[in-house]
Amino acid sequence: MNRSAANGPGLVCCPMPAAQTARAVAATMLDEGLAPCANILGQVPSLLAWNGGRDEAEGTGVLFKTDAALFDRAIARLPELRP
């Protein structure tokens, strides 16, 4: 997650477990006015530090474009929407 400037645009990157989930979450974020644009990137491999070891997973990446006024609300909303 990146806040580009205190009063400028912001970009939030969030992995989703599947493309269908990515589309549903993106639609909700747009409908709620938290992000005017969401780019669904497709399959994204992830490397994870997990339980003292390393794991790998595949998911669907989403970039949410927002602005400073909505940034904190957008970030707070994503865990509520993402399974």
Protein backbone atom coordinates (compact mmCIF):
# COMPACT_ATOMS: atom_id res chain seq x y z
CA MET A 1 0.00 0.00 0.00
CA ASN A 2 1.34 3.37 -0.91
CA ARG A 3 0.17 6.84 -0.06
CA SER A 4 1.65 8.91 -2.89
CA ALA A 5 1.18 12.31 -1.26
CA ALA A 6 -0.67 13.77 1.70
CA ASN A 7 -3.34 15.22 -0.58
CA GLY A 8 -2.77 13.41 -3.85
CA PRO A 9 -3.53 10.04 -5.36
CA GLY A 10 -3.02 6.77 -3.55
CA LEU A 11 -2.51 3.23 -4.77
CA VAL A 12 -3.52 0.16 -2.78
CA CYS A 13 -2.34 -3.26 -3.92
CA CYS A 14 -4.28 -6.21 -2.52
CA PRO A 15 -4.02 -9.91 -3.38
CA MET A 16 -7.29 -11.83 -3.59
CA PRO A 17 -7.72 -15.60 -3.42
CA ALA A 18 -9.45 -15.84 -6.82
CA ALA A 19 -10.53 -13.75 -9.82
CA GLN A 20 -14.22 -13.95 -8.88
CA THR A 21 -13.44 -12.56 -5.41
CA ALA A 22 -11.29 -9.82 -6.95
CA ARG A 23 -14.15 -8.70 -9.21
CA ALA A 24 -16.68 -8.73 -6.36
CA VAL A 25 -14.44 -6.75 -3.99
CA ALA A 26 -13.51 -4.29 -6.75
CA ALA A 27 -17.18 -3.73 -7.58
CA THR A 28 -18.00 -3.06 -3.92
CA MET A 29 -15.11 -0.63 -3.53
CA LEU A 30 -16.28 1.27 -6.62
CA ASP A 31 -19.95 1.18 -5.54
CA GLU A 32 -19.04 2.53 -2.09
CA GLY A 33 -16.95 5.31 -3.62
CA LEU A 34 -13.73 4.18 -1.94
CA ALA A 35 -11.83 3.72 -5.19
CA PRO A 36 -12.79 5.20 -8.56
CA CYS A 37 -10.69 2.59 -10.38
CA ALA A 38 -9.61 -1.00 -9.77
CA ASN A 39 -7.19 -2.84 -12.05
CA ILE A 40 -7.52 -6.63 -11.82
CA LEU A 41 -4.08 -7.97 -12.69
CA GLY A 42 -4.64 -11.69 -13.05
CA GLN A 43 -2.79 -14.55 -11.39
CA VAL A 44 -0.01 -13.44 -9.05
CA PRO A 45 2.35 -15.89 -7.36
CA SER A 46 3.08 -15.10 -3.70
CA LEU A 47 5.87 -16.25 -1.42
CA LEU A 48 4.87 -16.28 2.24
CA ALA A 49 6.73 -16.57 5.52
CA TRP A 50 4.35 -18.82 7.44
CA ASN A 51 4.60 -20.75 10.72
CA GLY A 52 8.38 -20.56 10.78
CA GLY A 53 8.72 -21.73 7.19
CA ARG A 54 8.05 -20.61 3.67
CA ASP A 55 4.97 -21.28 1.55
CA GLU A 56 3.80 -20.39 -1.94
CA ALA A 57 0.31 -19.50 -3.13
CA GLU A 58 -1.43 -18.17 -6.24
CA GLY A 59 -3.98 -15.40 -6.13
CA THR A 60 -5.37 -12.53 -8.18
CA GLY A 61 -3.78 -9.12 -7.75
CA VAL A 62 -5.86 -5.93 -7.64
CA LEU A 63 -4.65 -2.33 -7.74
CA PHE A 64 -7.12 0.14 -6.28
CA LYS A 65 -6.61 3.77 -7.28
CA THR A 66 -7.89 6.23 -4.69
CA ASP A 67 -6.89 9.55 -3.14
CA ALA A 68 -5.60 10.75 0.21
CA ALA A 69 -9.06 11.65 1.49
CA LEU A 70 -10.25 8.05 0.99
CA PHE A 71 -7.01 6.16 1.53
CA ASP A 72 -7.46 5.14 5.18
CA ARG A 73 -11.12 4.23 4.68
CA ALA A 74 -10.27 2.13 1.61
CA ILE A 75 -7.56 0.24 3.50
CA ALA A 76 -9.87 -0.31 6.49
CA ARG A 77 -12.64 -1.67 4.26
CA LEU A 78 -10.57 -4.25 2.37
CA PRO A 79 -10.16 -6.74 5.27
CA GLU A 80 -13.93 -6.64 5.75
CA LEU A 81 -14.49 -7.60 2.10
CA ARG A 82 -11.62 -10.00 1.48
CA PRO A 83 -12.09 -13.59 2.66
